């Protein structure tokens, strides 16, 4: 899995878990917490918003910025984001199962 997809999965799964709490901690999905550069994080947040995986994020773009600065204070996962997590976890399980079969099959 590429680095960007790992970051997307971390952000969406954190937002999904945050549904159990009355308040969301925006630092839980910060670039530093997720373990990526600020620029990559900004681009991924913008992609997630543009593709309706997350909502309630405002992005302010300044003249000198390639990608705007997201405010994720009120970020929430959408139904589409939940569906992505569901499909992704099923694909992970299938991959692990297939990898396990390959690992124990002689001659492969």
C-alpha atoms as a PDB file:
ATOM      1  CA  UNK A   1       0.000   0.000   0.000  1.00  0.00           C
ATOM      2  CA  UNK A   2       1.413   3.393  -0.932  1.00  0.00           C
ATOM      3  CA  UNK A   3       2.188   5.987   1.708  1.00  0.00           C
ATOM      4  CA  UNK A   4      -0.722   8.200   0.634  1.00  0.00           C
ATOM      5  CA  UNK A   5      -3.243   5.378   0.993  1.00  0.00           C
ATOM      6  CA  UNK A   6      -1.896   4.567   4.465  1.00  0.00           C
ATOM      7  CA  UNK A   7      -2.353   8.210   5.446  1.00  0.00           C
ATOM      8  CA  UNK A   8      -5.882   8.272   4.014  1.00  0.00           C
ATOM      9  CA  UNK A   9      -6.730   5.116   5.955  1.00  0.00           C
ATOM     10  CA  UNK A  10      -5.304   6.586   9.198  1.00  0.00           C
ATOM     11  CA  UNK A  11      -7.265   9.824   8.807  1.00  0.00           C
ATOM     12  CA  UNK A  12     -10.551   8.113   7.952  1.00  0.00           C
ATOM     13  CA  UNK A  13     -10.229   5.474  10.675  1.00  0.00           C
ATOM     14  CA  UNK A  14      -9.421   8.164  13.265  1.00  0.00           C
ATOM     15  CA  UNK A  15     -12.487  10.167  12.197  1.00  0.00           C
ATOM     16  CA  UNK A  16     -14.615   7.009  12.330  1.00  0.00           C
ATOM     17  CA  UNK A  17     -13.442   6.263  15.885  1.00  0.00           C
ATOM     18  CA  UNK A  18     -14.087   9.878  16.900  1.00  0.00           C
ATOM     19  CA  UNK A  19     -17.806   9.351  16.276  1.00  0.00           C
ATOM     20  CA  UNK A  20     -17.957   7.748  19.746  1.00  0.00           C
ATOM     21  CA  UNK A  21     -16.913  10.974  21.481  1.00  0.00           C
ATOM     22  CA  UNK A  22     -18.730  14.285  21.964  1.00  0.00           C
ATOM     23  CA  UNK A  23     -15.690  16.309  20.885  1.00  0.00           C
ATOM     24  CA  UNK A  24     -13.115  15.744  18.163  1.00  0.00           C
ATOM     25  CA  UNK A  25      -9.420  16.428  18.728  1.00  0.00           C
ATOM     26  CA  UNK A  26      -8.114  17.887  15.445  1.00  0.00           C
ATOM     27  CA  UNK A  27      -4.542  17.081  16.526  1.00  0.00           C
ATOM     28  CA  UNK A  28      -5.411  13.393  16.179  1.00  0.00           C
ATOM     29  CA  UNK A  29      -5.245  13.777  12.380  1.00  0.00           C
ATOM     30  CA  UNK A  30      -2.482  16.390  12.128  1.00  0.00           C
ATOM     31  CA  UNK A  31       0.457  15.889   9.771  1.00  0.00           C
ATOM     32  CA  UNK A  32       2.747  15.335  12.749  1.00  0.00           C
ATOM     33  CA  UNK A  33       0.474  12.775  14.407  1.00  0.00           C
ATOM     34  CA  UNK A  34      -0.133  10.927  11.124  1.00  0.00           C
ATOM     35  CA  UNK A  35       3.598  10.989  10.378  1.00  0.00           C
ATOM     36  CA  UNK A  36       3.797  12.842   7.078  1.00  0.00           C
ATOM     37  CA  UNK A  37       4.888  16.167   5.667  1.00  0.00           C
ATOM     38  CA  UNK A  38       2.619  19.186   6.026  1.00  0.00           C
ATOM     39  CA  UNK A  39       2.390  19.541   2.241  1.00  0.00           C
ATOM     40  CA  UNK A  40       1.352  15.904   1.645  1.00  0.00           C
ATOM     41  CA  UNK A  41      -1.163  16.162   4.498  1.00  0.00           C
ATOM     42  CA  UNK A  42      -2.712  19.320   2.985  1.00  0.00           C
ATOM     43  CA  UNK A  43      -3.051  17.662  -0.417  1.00  0.00           C
ATOM     44  CA  UNK A  44      -4.609  14.512   1.053  1.00  0.00           C
ATOM     45  CA  UNK A  45      -7.092  16.490   3.173  1.00  0.00           C
ATOM     46  CA  UNK A  46      -8.085  18.450   0.052  1.00  0.00           C
ATOM     47  CA  UNK A  47      -8.579  15.200  -1.910  1.00  0.00           C
ATOM     48  CA  UNK A  48     -10.693  13.738   0.894  1.00  0.00           C
ATOM     49  CA  UNK A  49     -12.881  16.858   0.960  1.00  0.00           C
ATOM     50  CA  UNK A  50     -13.117  17.121  -2.849  1.00  0.00           C
ATOM     51  CA  UNK A  51     -14.181  13.463  -3.100  1.00  0.00           C
ATOM     52  CA  UNK A  52     -16.697  13.690  -0.219  1.00  0.00           C
ATOM     53  CA  UNK A  53     -14.914  11.315   2.158  1.00  0.00           C
ATOM     54  CA  UNK A  54     -14.830  13.973   4.880  1.00  0.00           C
ATOM     55  CA  UNK A  55     -16.876  17.114   5.504  1.00  0.00           C
ATOM     56  CA  UNK A  56     -16.976  20.273   7.615  1.00  0.00           C
ATOM     57  CA  UNK A  57     -13.410  21.201   6.656  1.00  0.00           C
ATOM     58  CA  UNK A  58     -12.655  24.718   5.469  1.00  0.00           C
ATOM     59  CA  UNK A  59      -9.611  25.309   3.287  1.00  0.00           C
ATOM     60  CA  UNK A  60      -8.120  28.784   3.128  1.00  0.00           C
ATOM     61  CA  UNK A  61      -5.698  29.381   0.275  1.00  0.00           C
ATOM     62  CA  UNK A  62      -3.158  32.174   0.452  1.00  0.00           C
ATOM     63  CA  UNK A  63      -1.402  33.548  -2.623  1.00  0.00           C
ATOM     64  CA  UNK A  64       1.940  31.881  -1.812  1.00  0.00           C
ATOM     65  CA  UNK A  65       0.418  28.432  -1.143  1.00  0.00           C
ATOM     66  CA  UNK A  66       0.152  25.620  -3.676  1.00  0.00           C
ATOM     67  CA  UNK A  67      -2.544  23.937  -1.569  1.00  0.00           C
ATOM     68  CA  UNK A  68      -4.586  25.818   1.001  1.00  0.00           C
ATOM     69  CA  UNK A  69      -4.456  25.432   4.744  1.00  0.00           C
ATOM     70  CA  UNK A  70      -7.211  23.091   5.972  1.00  0.00           C
ATOM     71  CA  UNK A  71      -9.066  23.751   9.206  1.00  0.00           C
ATOM     72  CA  UNK A  72     -10.039  20.277  10.432  1.00  0.00           C
ATOM     73  CA  UNK A  73     -11.445  21.434  13.783  1.00  0.00           C
ATOM     74  CA  UNK A  74     -14.940  20.173  12.881  1.00  0.00           C
ATOM     75  CA  UNK A  75     -13.961  17.404  10.444  1.00  0.00           C
ATOM     76  CA  UNK A  76     -16.346  14.471  10.151  1.00  0.00           C
ATOM     77  CA  UNK A  77     -16.276  11.287   8.133  1.00  0.00           C
ATOM     78  CA  UNK A  78     -19.065  10.891   5.572  1.00  0.00           C
ATOM     79  CA  UNK A  79     -20.988   7.797   4.539  1.00  0.00           C
ATOM     80  CA  UNK A  80     -18.688   7.557   1.514  1.00  0.00           C
ATOM     81  CA  UNK A  81     -15.682   7.650   3.870  1.00  0.00           C
ATOM     82  CA  UNK A  82     -17.177   4.858   5.972  1.00  0.00           C
ATOM     83  CA  UNK A  83     -17.756   2.807   2.829  1.00  0.00           C
ATOM     84  CA  UNK A  84     -14.106   3.337   1.841  1.00  0.00           C
ATOM     85  CA  UNK A  85     -12.956   2.013   5.235  1.00  0.00           C
ATOM     86  CA  UNK A  86     -15.251  -1.011   4.941  1.00  0.00           C
ATOM     87  CA  UNK A  87     -14.068  -1.891   1.433  1.00  0.00           C
ATOM     88  CA  UNK A  88     -10.437  -1.283   2.352  1.00  0.00           C
ATOM     89  CA  UNK A  89     -10.567  -3.533   5.423  1.00  0.00           C
ATOM     90  CA  UNK A  90     -12.201  -6.315   3.382  1.00  0.00           C
ATOM     91  CA  UNK A  91      -9.468  -5.961   0.735  1.00  0.00           C
ATOM     92  CA  UNK A  92      -6.790  -6.106   3.462  1.00  0.00           C
ATOM     93  CA  UNK A  93      -8.267  -9.321   4.817  1.00  0.00           C
ATOM     94  CA  UNK A  94      -8.433 -10.852   1.334  1.00  0.00           C
ATOM     95  CA  UNK A  95      -4.823  -9.796   0.662  1.00  0.00           C
ATOM     96  CA  UNK A  96      -3.612 -11.301   3.952  1.00  0.00           C
ATOM     97  CA  UNK A  97      -5.524 -14.509   3.240  1.00  0.00           C
ATOM     98  CA  UNK A  98      -4.096 -14.753  -0.288  1.00  0.00           C
ATOM     99  CA  UNK A  99      -0.598 -13.962   0.998  1.00  0.00           C
ATOM    100  CA  UNK A 100      -0.980 -16.620   3.694  1.00  0.00           C
ATOM    101  CA  UNK A 101      -2.053 -19.205   1.114  1.00  0.00           C
ATOM    102  CA  UNK A 102       0.933 -18.304  -1.058  1.00  0.00           C
ATOM    103  CA  UNK A 103       3.301 -18.526   1.924  1.00  0.00           C
ATOM    104  CA  UNK A 104       2.211 -22.068   2.805  1.00  0.00           C
ATOM    105  CA  UNK A 105       1.789 -23.412  -0.731  1.00  0.00           C
ATOM    106  CA  UNK A 106       4.903 -25.354  -1.818  1.00  0.00           C
ATOM    107  CA  UNK A 107       6.507 -24.212  -5.041  1.00  0.00           C
ATOM    108  CA  UNK A 108       5.045 -20.686  -5.046  1.00  0.00           C
END
